[in-house]
Amino acid sequence: MGFTSDHEVLTENRGWVPIAEISLADLVIQREEDGTKNAVHPTKIIQQNYDGPMYEIEHRDDGRTIIVDANHFLLGHIQYGINNDYGGPVKVFPVEKVYNYYVENDVKAEKDKWGFEDATIIITLTVSDGYDVVGLYDINKLESNPDPQKMVYSICVPSSVFLVRRTDSPSAYWTCSPK
């Protein structure tokens, strides 16, 4: 489970650091279940070769994106179509399952029913300021890893939730670390 090398993690001691350069000495900002934030040392650094399917998650309004492998989990709320109620607790969603179930199946049916021009999923992702951003997100499946080195990177933190963004992006997302 991981990100391409063009992502950064927020640390207390070095600010935004490329995910491929995070070390066990860094103090990574994590989010606790109650929403509080604190700085902790990663418990594990993950760097592995991966050339399987990747998913680019893009916000339609401002174009912010993240690229994750098929085993990554999203933190937030999900709905599809236009007749579903929003709300409930923040949950963890496996991106490949979301793509396969919602984008390839239900959203296509909703698209046909409501005349949508393409398959869109409404995801509410929990962002850096601790609030949820509802938006139309496209989840695009990439057949292979776009990273030139064919590597993915991640870290583990005690709460399993840390802050990540694409390099030079003003927007960051809370994301789930591997268990």
N, C-alpha and C. Protein backbone atom coordinates (compact mmCIF):
# COMPACT_ATOMS: atom_id res chain seq x y z
N MET A 1 0.86 -1.17 0.00
CA MET A 1 0.00 0.00 0.00
C MET A 1 0.89 1.21 0.00
N GLY A 2 0.72 2.09 -1.00
CA GLY A 2 1.58 3.24 -1.00
C GLY A 2 1.28 4.25 -2.09
N PHE A 3 2.14 5.27 -2.11
CA PHE A 3 2.03 6.42 -2.99
C PHE A 3 3.21 6.44 -3.96
N THR A 4 3.04 7.15 -5.06
CA THR A 4 4.17 7.40 -5.94
C THR A 4 5.12 8.38 -5.26
N SER A 5 6.32 8.50 -5.80
CA SER A 5 7.35 9.31 -5.15
C SER A 5 7.07 10.81 -5.17
N ASP A 6 6.08 11.25 -5.91
CA ASP A 6 5.78 12.69 -5.98
C ASP A 6 4.76 13.13 -4.92
N HIS A 7 4.79 12.48 -3.77
CA HIS A 7 3.95 12.85 -2.63
C HIS A 7 4.84 13.24 -1.45
N GLU A 8 4.29 14.06 -0.56
CA GLU A 8 5.01 14.52 0.62
C GLU A 8 4.20 14.24 1.88
N VAL A 9 4.91 14.09 2.98
CA VAL A 9 4.31 13.84 4.29
C VAL A 9 4.67 15.02 5.20
N LEU A 10 3.71 15.48 6.01
CA LEU A 10 3.97 16.59 6.92
C LEU A 10 4.66 16.09 8.18
N THR A 11 5.80 16.73 8.50
CA THR A 11 6.53 16.40 9.72
C THR A 11 6.65 17.65 10.57
N GLU A 12 6.84 17.44 11.86
CA GLU A 12 7.03 18.57 12.77
C GLU A 12 8.45 19.12 12.65
N ASN A 13 9.42 18.24 12.44
CA ASN A 13 10.82 18.67 12.46
C ASN A 13 11.35 19.16 11.12
N ARG A 14 10.76 18.75 9.97
CA ARG A 14 11.30 19.17 8.68
C ARG A 14 10.25 19.75 7.73
N GLY A 15 9.02 19.96 8.19
CA GLY A 15 7.97 20.45 7.31
C GLY A 15 7.54 19.36 6.34
N TRP A 16 7.20 19.76 5.11
CA TRP A 16 6.79 18.78 4.09
C TRP A 16 8.03 18.08 3.55
N VAL A 17 8.02 16.75 3.61
CA VAL A 17 9.17 15.93 3.21
C VAL A 17 8.71 14.93 2.15
N PRO A 18 9.47 14.77 1.05
CA PRO A 18 9.10 13.74 0.08
C PRO A 18 8.95 12.38 0.76
N ILE A 19 7.91 11.67 0.43
CA ILE A 19 7.62 10.40 1.11
C ILE A 19 8.78 9.42 0.99
N ALA A 20 9.51 9.47 -0.11
CA ALA A 20 10.65 8.57 -0.30
C ALA A 20 11.83 8.92 0.63
N GLU A 21 11.79 10.10 1.26
CA GLU A 21 12.89 10.54 2.13
C GLU A 21 12.52 10.52 3.61
N ILE A 22 11.33 10.09 3.95
CA ILE A 22 10.94 10.01 5.37
C ILE A 22 11.80 8.95 6.06
N SER A 23 12.21 9.25 7.29
CA SER A 23 13.01 8.29 8.07
C SER A 23 12.35 8.06 9.42
N LEU A 24 12.83 7.07 10.13
CA LEU A 24 12.31 6.77 11.46
C LEU A 24 12.62 7.89 12.46
N ALA A 25 13.55 8.77 12.12
CA ALA A 25 13.90 9.90 13.00
C ALA A 25 12.92 11.07 12.85
N ASP A 26 12.15 11.09 11.76
CA ASP A 26 11.21 12.19 11.55
C ASP A 26 10.06 12.13 12.55
N LEU A 27 9.48 13.30 12.81
CA LEU A 27 8.29 13.40 13.65
C LEU A 27 7.11 13.71 12.74
N VAL A 28 6.38 12.68 12.38
CA VAL A 28 5.27 12.77 11.44
C VAL A 28 4.01 13.21 12.17
N ILE A 29 3.25 14.12 11.54
CA ILE A 29 1.99 14.55 12.12
C ILE A 29 0.95 13.46 11.87
N GLN A 30 0.35 12.99 12.97
CA GLN A 30 -0.70 11.98 12.85
C GLN A 30 -1.99 12.53 13.45
N ARG A 31 -3.09 11.90 13.08
CA ARG A 31 -4.41 12.29 13.59
C ARG A 31 -4.96 11.14 14.41
N GLU A 32 -5.38 11.48 15.63
CA GLU A 32 -6.00 10.48 16.50
C GLU A 32 -7.47 10.33 16.15
N GLU A 33 -8.10 9.30 16.66
CA GLU A 33 -9.51 9.04 16.38
C GLU A 33 -10.41 10.20 16.82
N ASP A 34 -10.04 10.90 17.90
CA ASP A 34 -10.85 12.02 18.39
C ASP A 34 -10.57 13.32 17.63
N GLY A 35 -9.72 13.28 16.60
CA GLY A 35 -9.42 14.45 15.79
C GLY A 35 -8.20 15.24 16.22
N THR A 36 -7.65 14.93 17.38
CA THR A 36 -6.45 15.64 17.82
C THR A 36 -5.25 15.22 16.97
N LYS A 37 -4.27 16.10 16.92
CA LYS A 37 -3.08 15.85 16.12
C LYS A 37 -1.86 15.87 17.03
N ASN A 38 -0.89 15.04 16.72
CA ASN A 38 0.37 15.06 17.44
C ASN A 38 1.48 14.54 16.53
N ALA A 39 2.71 14.74 16.96
CA ALA A 39 3.87 14.32 16.19
C ALA A 39 4.45 13.04 16.77
N VAL A 40 4.69 12.07 15.91
CA VAL A 40 5.22 10.77 16.33
C VAL A 40 6.27 10.30 15.34
N HIS A 41 7.13 9.41 15.81
CA HIS A 41 8.07 8.76 14.91
C HIS A 41 7.33 7.65 14.15
N PRO A 42 7.59 7.51 12.86
CA PRO A 42 6.98 6.38 12.15
C PRO A 42 7.44 5.07 12.79
N THR A 43 6.56 4.09 12.79
CA THR A 43 6.92 2.77 13.32
C THR A 43 7.48 1.87 12.23
N LYS A 44 7.26 2.28 10.97
CA LYS A 44 7.75 1.48 9.85
C LYS A 44 7.80 2.37 8.61
N ILE A 45 8.81 2.16 7.80
CA ILE A 45 8.95 2.83 6.50
C ILE A 45 8.77 1.75 5.43
N ILE A 46 7.94 2.03 4.45
CA ILE A 46 7.68 1.05 3.39
C ILE A 46 8.14 1.63 2.06
N GLN A 47 9.01 0.91 1.40
CA GLN A 47 9.47 1.22 0.04
C GLN A 47 9.53 -0.09 -0.70
N GLN A 48 8.71 -0.21 -1.73
CA GLN A 48 8.69 -1.50 -2.44
C GLN A 48 8.46 -1.31 -3.93
N ASN A 49 8.98 -2.25 -4.71
CA ASN A 49 8.71 -2.27 -6.14
C ASN A 49 7.25 -2.61 -6.35
N TYR A 50 6.61 -1.89 -7.25
CA TYR A 50 5.21 -2.16 -7.55
C TYR A 50 4.90 -1.63 -8.94
N ASP A 51 4.41 -2.49 -9.79
CA ASP A 51 4.03 -2.05 -11.13
C ASP A 51 2.63 -2.53 -11.48
N GLY A 52 1.79 -2.68 -10.48
CA GLY A 52 0.40 -3.08 -10.72
C GLY A 52 -0.48 -1.87 -10.93
N PRO A 53 -1.79 -2.07 -10.89
CA PRO A 53 -2.72 -0.96 -11.09
C PRO A 53 -2.55 0.12 -10.03
N MET A 54 -2.70 1.37 -10.46
CA MET A 54 -2.67 2.52 -9.56
C MET A 54 -3.96 3.29 -9.79
N TYR A 55 -4.33 4.12 -8.83
CA TYR A 55 -5.57 4.90 -8.93
C TYR A 55 -5.25 6.36 -8.68
N GLU A 56 -5.65 7.19 -9.64
CA GLU A 56 -5.52 8.63 -9.48
C GLU A 56 -6.87 9.17 -9.05
N ILE A 57 -6.90 9.82 -7.90
CA ILE A 57 -8.12 10.38 -7.36
C ILE A 57 -8.03 11.88 -7.54
N GLU A 58 -8.93 12.43 -8.35
CA GLU A 58 -8.85 13.84 -8.72
C GLU A 58 -10.13 14.58 -8.35
N HIS A 59 -9.97 15.70 -7.65
CA HIS A 59 -11.10 16.56 -7.29
C HIS A 59 -11.47 17.38 -8.51
N ARG A 60 -12.74 17.36 -8.89
CA ARG A 60 -13.16 18.04 -10.11
C ARG A 60 -13.07 19.55 -10.04
N ASP A 61 -13.28 20.14 -8.87
CA ASP A 61 -13.30 21.60 -8.78
C ASP A 61 -11.92 22.23 -8.86
N ASP A 62 -10.96 21.66 -8.15
CA ASP A 62 -9.65 22.32 -8.11
C ASP A 62 -8.52 21.47 -8.67
N GLY A 63 -8.81 20.27 -9.14
CA GLY A 63 -7.81 19.46 -9.80
C GLY A 63 -6.81 18.78 -8.89
N ARG A 64 -6.94 18.92 -7.56
CA ARG A 64 -5.98 18.26 -6.68
C ARG A 64 -6.08 16.75 -6.85
N THR A 65 -4.95 16.09 -6.81
CA THR A 65 -4.93 14.65 -7.03
C THR A 65 -4.00 13.96 -6.05
N ILE A 66 -4.26 12.68 -5.86
CA ILE A 66 -3.30 11.78 -5.24
C ILE A 66 -3.27 10.53 -6.11
N ILE A 67 -2.15 9.85 -6.12
CA ILE A 67 -2.03 8.59 -6.85
C ILE A 67 -1.62 7.52 -5.85
N VAL A 68 -2.43 6.47 -5.78
CA VAL A 68 -2.20 5.41 -4.79
C VAL A 68 -2.27 4.05 -5.47
N ASP A 69 -1.69 3.06 -4.82
CA ASP A 69 -1.76 1.71 -5.39
C ASP A 69 -3.11 1.08 -5.06
N ALA A 70 -3.34 -0.09 -5.60
CA ALA A 70 -4.64 -0.77 -5.49
C ALA A 70 -4.99 -1.16 -4.06
N ASN A 71 -4.01 -1.24 -3.19
CA ASN A 71 -4.25 -1.67 -1.80
C ASN A 71 -4.47 -0.52 -0.84
N HIS A 72 -4.51 0.70 -1.34
CA HIS A 72 -4.63 1.87 -0.47
C HIS A 72 -6.06 2.04 0.05
N PHE A 73 -6.18 2.67 1.22
CA PHE A 73 -7.47 2.95 1.82
C PHE A 73 -7.72 4.45 1.85
N LEU A 74 -8.97 4.85 1.61
CA LEU A 74 -9.39 6.25 1.70
C LEU A 74 -10.07 6.48 3.04
N LEU A 75 -9.90 7.66 3.60
CA LEU A 75 -10.53 8.03 4.86
C LEU A 75 -11.56 9.10 4.56
N GLY A 76 -12.82 8.84 4.86
CA GLY A 76 -13.86 9.82 4.60
C GLY A 76 -15.23 9.19 4.50
N HIS A 77 -16.11 9.81 3.72
CA HIS A 77 -17.46 9.32 3.47
C HIS A 77 -17.59 9.12 1.97
N ILE A 78 -18.45 8.22 1.56
CA ILE A 78 -18.65 8.00 0.13
C ILE A 78 -20.13 7.93 -0.17
N GLN A 79 -20.53 8.54 -1.27
CA GLN A 79 -21.87 8.36 -1.81
C GLN A 79 -21.74 8.39 -3.32
N TYR A 80 -22.76 7.95 -3.99
CA TYR A 80 -22.72 7.98 -5.45
C TYR A 80 -24.09 8.36 -5.94
N GLY A 81 -24.17 8.74 -7.20
CA GLY A 81 -25.45 9.16 -7.74
C GLY A 81 -25.89 10.46 -7.09
N ILE A 82 -27.21 10.71 -7.06
CA ILE A 82 -27.69 11.96 -6.48
C ILE A 82 -28.77 11.76 -5.43
N ASN A 83 -29.18 10.53 -5.18
CA ASN A 83 -30.26 10.30 -4.23
C ASN A 83 -29.81 9.60 -2.95
N ASN A 84 -28.54 9.70 -2.62
CA ASN A 84 -28.04 9.04 -1.42
C ASN A 84 -27.79 10.06 -0.34
N ASP A 85 -28.09 9.69 0.89
CA ASP A 85 -27.87 10.58 2.01
C ASP A 85 -26.39 10.65 2.35
N TYR A 86 -25.93 11.85 2.65
CA TYR A 86 -24.57 12.06 3.12
C TYR A 86 -24.57 11.96 4.63
N GLY A 87 -23.48 11.55 5.17
CA GLY A 87 -23.34 11.60 6.61
C GLY A 87 -22.79 10.33 7.18
N GLY A 88 -22.88 10.23 8.48
CA GLY A 88 -22.35 9.07 9.17
C GLY A 88 -20.91 9.30 9.57
N PRO A 89 -20.35 8.34 10.28
CA PRO A 89 -18.98 8.50 10.77
C PRO A 89 -17.96 8.40 9.64
N VAL A 90 -16.79 8.94 9.89
CA VAL A 90 -15.69 8.78 8.95
C VAL A 90 -15.34 7.30 8.89
N LYS A 91 -15.16 6.80 7.70
CA LYS A 91 -14.87 5.38 7.51
C LYS A 91 -13.63 5.22 6.66
N VAL A 92 -13.15 4.01 6.59
CA VAL A 92 -12.00 3.67 5.77
C VAL A 92 -12.51 2.84 4.60
N PHE A 93 -12.12 3.24 3.38
CA PHE A 93 -12.58 2.57 2.18
C PHE A 93 -11.40 2.10 1.35
N PRO A 94 -11.36 0.82 0.96
CA PRO A 94 -10.28 0.37 0.06
C PRO A 94 -10.52 0.93 -1.34
N VAL A 95 -9.53 1.63 -1.89
CA VAL A 95 -9.72 2.34 -3.15
C VAL A 95 -10.07 1.40 -4.31
N GLU A 96 -9.45 0.24 -4.38
CA GLU A 96 -9.76 -0.67 -5.49
C GLU A 96 -11.20 -1.17 -5.41
N LYS A 97 -11.66 -1.46 -4.20
CA LYS A 97 -13.05 -1.91 -4.03
C LYS A 97 -14.03 -0.78 -4.38
N VAL A 98 -13.70 0.45 -3.96
CA VAL A 98 -14.53 1.60 -4.30
C VAL A 98 -14.61 1.73 -5.82
N TYR A 99 -13.47 1.65 -6.46
CA TYR A 99 -13.44 1.78 -7.92
C TYR A 99 -14.28 0.67 -8.57
N ASN A 100 -14.00 -0.56 -8.19
CA ASN A 100 -14.69 -1.70 -8.82
C ASN A 100 -16.19 -1.67 -8.57
N TYR A 101 -16.58 -1.37 -7.35
CA TYR A 101 -18.00 -1.44 -7.00
C TYR A 101 -18.79 -0.21 -7.46
N TYR A 102 -18.30 0.97 -7.07
CA TYR A 102 -19.05 2.17 -7.36
C TYR A 102 -18.86 2.66 -8.79
N VAL A 103 -17.61 2.80 -9.19
CA VAL A 103 -17.36 3.39 -10.50
C VAL A 103 -17.75 2.45 -11.62
N GLU A 104 -17.38 1.18 -11.52
CA GLU A 104 -17.68 0.27 -12.61
C GLU A 104 -19.12 -0.24 -12.60
N ASN A 105 -19.79 -0.23 -11.47
CA ASN A 105 -21.13 -0.80 -11.40
C ASN A 105 -22.20 0.25 -11.12
N ASP A 106 -22.32 0.63 -9.86
CA ASP A 106 -23.43 1.49 -9.45
C ASP A 106 -23.43 2.86 -10.11
N VAL A 107 -22.26 3.48 -10.24
CA VAL A 107 -22.25 4.81 -10.81
C VAL A 107 -22.63 4.75 -12.29
N LYS A 108 -22.24 3.68 -12.97
CA LYS A 108 -22.65 3.55 -14.36
C LYS A 108 -24.16 3.45 -14.47
N ALA A 109 -24.78 2.70 -13.55
CA ALA A 109 -26.24 2.60 -13.56
C ALA A 109 -26.87 3.96 -13.24
N GLU A 110 -26.32 4.68 -12.27
CA GLU A 110 -26.82 6.01 -11.93
C GLU A 110 -26.61 6.97 -13.11
N LYS A 111 -25.47 6.84 -13.76
CA LYS A 111 -25.17 7.69 -14.92
C LYS A 111 -26.26 7.52 -15.98
N ASP A 112 -26.57 6.28 -16.28
CA ASP A 112 -27.60 6.02 -17.28
C ASP A 112 -28.96 6.54 -16.81
N LYS A 113 -29.27 6.30 -15.53
CA LYS A 113 -30.56 6.69 -14.99
C LYS A 113 -30.74 8.21 -14.99
N TRP A 114 -29.69 8.95 -14.60
CA TRP A 114 -29.80 10.39 -14.43
C TRP A 114 -29.17 11.18 -15.57
N GLY A 115 -28.63 10.50 -16.56
CA GLY A 115 -28.04 11.19 -17.69
C GLY A 115 -26.69 11.81 -17.42
N PHE A 116 -25.95 11.27 -16.43
CA PHE A 116 -24.60 11.77 -16.18
C PHE A 116 -23.76 11.51 -17.42
N GLU A 117 -22.80 12.40 -17.67
CA GLU A 117 -21.96 12.23 -18.85
C GLU A 117 -20.83 11.24 -18.63
N ASP A 118 -20.43 11.04 -17.40
CA ASP A 118 -19.38 10.05 -17.13
C ASP A 118 -19.56 9.52 -15.72
N ALA A 119 -18.79 8.52 -15.40
CA ALA A 119 -18.90 7.89 -14.09
C ALA A 119 -18.20 8.75 -13.05
N THR A 120 -18.95 9.24 -12.10
CA THR A 120 -18.42 10.11 -11.06
C THR A 120 -18.82 9.55 -9.70
N ILE A 121 -17.93 9.68 -8.76
CA ILE A 121 -18.24 9.28 -7.40
C ILE A 121 -18.11 10.51 -6.52
N ILE A 122 -19.02 10.64 -5.58
CA ILE A 122 -18.95 11.76 -4.64
C ILE A 122 -18.27 11.23 -3.39
N ILE A 123 -17.10 11.77 -3.10
CA ILE A 123 -16.34 11.33 -1.94
C ILE A 123 -16.15 12.53 -1.03
N THR A 124 -16.30 12.32 0.23
CA THR A 124 -15.99 13.36 1.20
C THR A 124 -14.71 12.93 1.87
N LEU A 125 -13.61 13.56 1.50
CA LEU A 125 -12.33 13.22 2.08
C LEU A 125 -12.03 14.14 3.24
N THR A 126 -11.41 13.60 4.25
CA THR A 126 -11.02 14.39 5.41
C THR A 126 -9.70 15.07 5.09
N VAL A 127 -9.69 16.39 5.13
CA VAL A 127 -8.52 17.14 4.69
C VAL A 127 -7.75 17.71 5.87
N SER A 128 -6.67 18.41 5.57
CA SER A 128 -5.69 18.80 6.58
C SER A 128 -6.23 19.65 7.71
N ASP A 129 -7.22 20.48 7.45
CA ASP A 129 -7.73 21.33 8.52
C ASP A 129 -8.70 20.59 9.44
N GLY A 130 -8.90 19.31 9.20
CA GLY A 130 -9.74 18.51 10.07
C GLY A 130 -11.20 18.53 9.68
N TYR A 131 -11.56 19.21 8.61
CA TYR A 131 -12.94 19.20 8.17
C TYR A 131 -13.05 18.35 6.91
N ASP A 132 -14.27 18.01 6.58
CA ASP A 132 -14.50 17.16 5.43
C ASP A 132 -14.84 18.00 4.22
N VAL A 133 -14.32 17.63 3.08
CA VAL A 133 -14.59 18.33 1.83
C VAL A 133 -15.41 17.41 0.93
N VAL A 134 -16.65 17.81 0.69
CA VAL A 134 -17.50 17.06 -0.22
C VAL A 134 -17.16 17.52 -1.62
N GLY A 135 -17.00 16.59 -2.51
CA GLY A 135 -16.71 17.00 -3.87
C GLY A 135 -16.93 15.88 -4.84
N LEU A 136 -16.98 16.25 -6.09
CA LEU A 136 -17.04 15.25 -7.14
C LEU A 136 -15.60 14.85 -7.44
N TYR A 137 -15.33 13.59 -7.29
CA TYR A 137 -14.00 13.06 -7.54
C TYR A 137 -14.09 12.04 -8.66
N ASP A 138 -13.13 12.11 -9.55
CA ASP A 138 -12.98 11.06 -10.54
C ASP A 138 -11.92 10.11 -10.02
N ILE A 139 -12.19 8.83 -10.10
CA ILE A 139 -11.19 7.83 -9.77
C ILE A 139 -10.81 7.18 -11.09
N ASN A 140 -9.58 7.42 -11.50
CA ASN A 140 -9.10 6.89 -12.76
C ASN A 140 -8.13 5.75 -12.49
N LYS A 141 -8.38 4.63 -13.13
CA LYS A 141 -7.49 3.48 -12.97
C LYS A 141 -6.36 3.61 -13.97
N LEU A 142 -5.13 3.52 -13.46
CA LEU A 142 -3.94 3.50 -14.29
C LEU A 142 -3.47 2.05 -14.34
N GLU A 143 -3.17 1.56 -15.50
CA GLU A 143 -2.82 0.14 -15.65
C GLU A 143 -1.50 -0.23 -14.99
N SER A 144 -0.61 0.75 -14.84
CA SER A 144 0.66 0.46 -14.18
C SER A 144 1.15 1.71 -13.44
N ASN A 145 2.14 1.52 -12.64
CA ASN A 145 2.71 2.58 -11.81
C ASN A 145 3.39 3.64 -12.69
N PRO A 146 2.97 4.92 -12.59
CA PRO A 146 3.61 5.97 -13.39
C PRO A 146 4.96 6.43 -12.84
N ASP A 147 5.32 5.96 -11.64
CA ASP A 147 6.59 6.34 -11.05
C ASP A 147 7.74 5.79 -11.90
N PRO A 148 8.72 6.63 -12.25
CA PRO A 148 9.81 6.17 -13.11
C PRO A 148 10.58 4.97 -12.55
N GLN A 149 10.68 4.89 -11.23
CA GLN A 149 11.40 3.78 -10.60
C GLN A 149 10.50 2.58 -10.30
N LYS A 150 9.19 2.71 -10.60
CA LYS A 150 8.19 1.65 -10.33
C LYS A 150 8.20 1.28 -8.85
N MET A 151 8.26 2.33 -7.99
CA MET A 151 8.26 2.14 -6.54
C MET A 151 7.02 2.79 -5.95
N VAL A 152 6.57 2.26 -4.79
CA VAL A 152 5.56 2.92 -3.98
C VAL A 152 6.14 3.07 -2.57
N TYR A 153 5.64 4.10 -1.88
CA TYR A 153 6.17 4.46 -0.57
C TYR A 153 5.03 4.69 0.40
N SER A 154 5.24 4.30 1.64
CA SER A 154 4.30 4.62 2.69
C SER A 154 5.02 4.57 4.02
N ILE A 155 4.31 4.94 5.06
CA ILE A 155 4.83 4.87 6.41
C ILE A 155 3.72 4.32 7.31
N CYS A 156 4.11 3.82 8.45
CA CYS A 156 3.14 3.42 9.47
C CYS A 156 3.32 4.35 10.67
N VAL A 157 2.19 4.80 11.20
CA VAL A 157 2.20 5.59 12.42
C VAL A 157 1.22 4.93 13.39
N PRO A 158 1.39 5.17 14.71
CA PRO A 158 0.54 4.48 15.68
C PRO A 158 -0.97 4.64 15.47
N SER A 159 -1.43 5.81 15.07
CA SER A 159 -2.87 6.01 14.89
C SER A 159 -3.36 5.50 13.54
N SER A 160 -2.46 5.17 12.63
CA SER A 160 -2.73 4.73 11.26
C SER A 160 -3.17 5.86 10.33
N VAL A 161 -3.20 7.11 10.79
CA VAL A 161 -3.66 8.22 9.95
C VAL A 161 -2.60 9.33 9.95
N PHE A 162 -2.10 9.66 8.74
CA PHE A 162 -1.11 10.72 8.60
C PHE A 162 -1.49 11.62 7.43
N LEU A 163 -0.79 12.76 7.32
CA LEU A 163 -1.12 13.78 6.33
C LEU A 163 -0.21 13.66 5.11
N VAL A 164 -0.82 13.66 3.92
CA VAL A 164 -0.06 13.52 2.68
C VAL A 164 -0.60 14.48 1.62
N ARG A 165 0.28 14.90 0.71
CA ARG A 165 -0.14 15.74 -0.42
C ARG A 165 0.78 15.43 -1.60
N ARG A 166 0.32 15.80 -2.79
CA ARG A 166 1.20 15.75 -3.96
C ARG A 166 2.22 16.87 -3.80
N THR A 167 3.41 16.69 -4.28
CA THR A 167 4.46 17.69 -4.18
C THR A 167 3.98 19.02 -4.74
N ASP A 168 4.20 20.07 -3.98
CA ASP A 168 3.84 21.45 -4.34
C ASP A 168 2.34 21.71 -4.40
N SER A 169 1.52 20.81 -3.91
CA SER A 169 0.08 21.03 -3.89
C SER A 169 -0.29 21.80 -2.62
N PRO A 170 -1.24 22.73 -2.71
CA PRO A 170 -1.67 23.44 -1.50
C PRO A 170 -2.62 22.60 -0.65
N SER A 171 -3.16 21.51 -1.19
CA SER A 171 -4.14 20.69 -0.48
C SER A 171 -3.52 19.38 -0.01
N ALA A 172 -3.87 19.01 1.20
CA ALA A 172 -3.37 17.75 1.76
C ALA A 172 -4.54 16.94 2.29
N TYR A 173 -4.36 15.63 2.35
CA TYR A 173 -5.39 14.72 2.83
C TYR A 173 -4.86 13.87 3.97
N TRP A 174 -5.75 13.58 4.93
CA TRP A 174 -5.43 12.57 5.93
C TRP A 174 -5.57 11.23 5.21
N THR A 175 -4.64 10.36 5.40
CA THR A 175 -4.66 9.08 4.72
C THR A 175 -4.35 7.96 5.70
N CYS A 176 -4.67 6.76 5.34
CA CYS A 176 -4.47 5.61 6.23
C CYS A 176 -3.16 4.92 5.92
N SER A 177 -2.43 4.61 6.96
CA SER A 177 -1.19 3.85 6.77
C SER A 177 -1.52 2.37 6.83
N PRO A 178 -0.63 1.55 6.28
CA PRO A 178 -0.85 0.10 6.34
C PRO A 178 -0.87 -0.38 7.77
N LYS A 179 -1.55 -1.47 7.99
CA LYS A 179 -1.58 -2.06 9.34
C LYS A 179 -0.41 -2.99 9.53
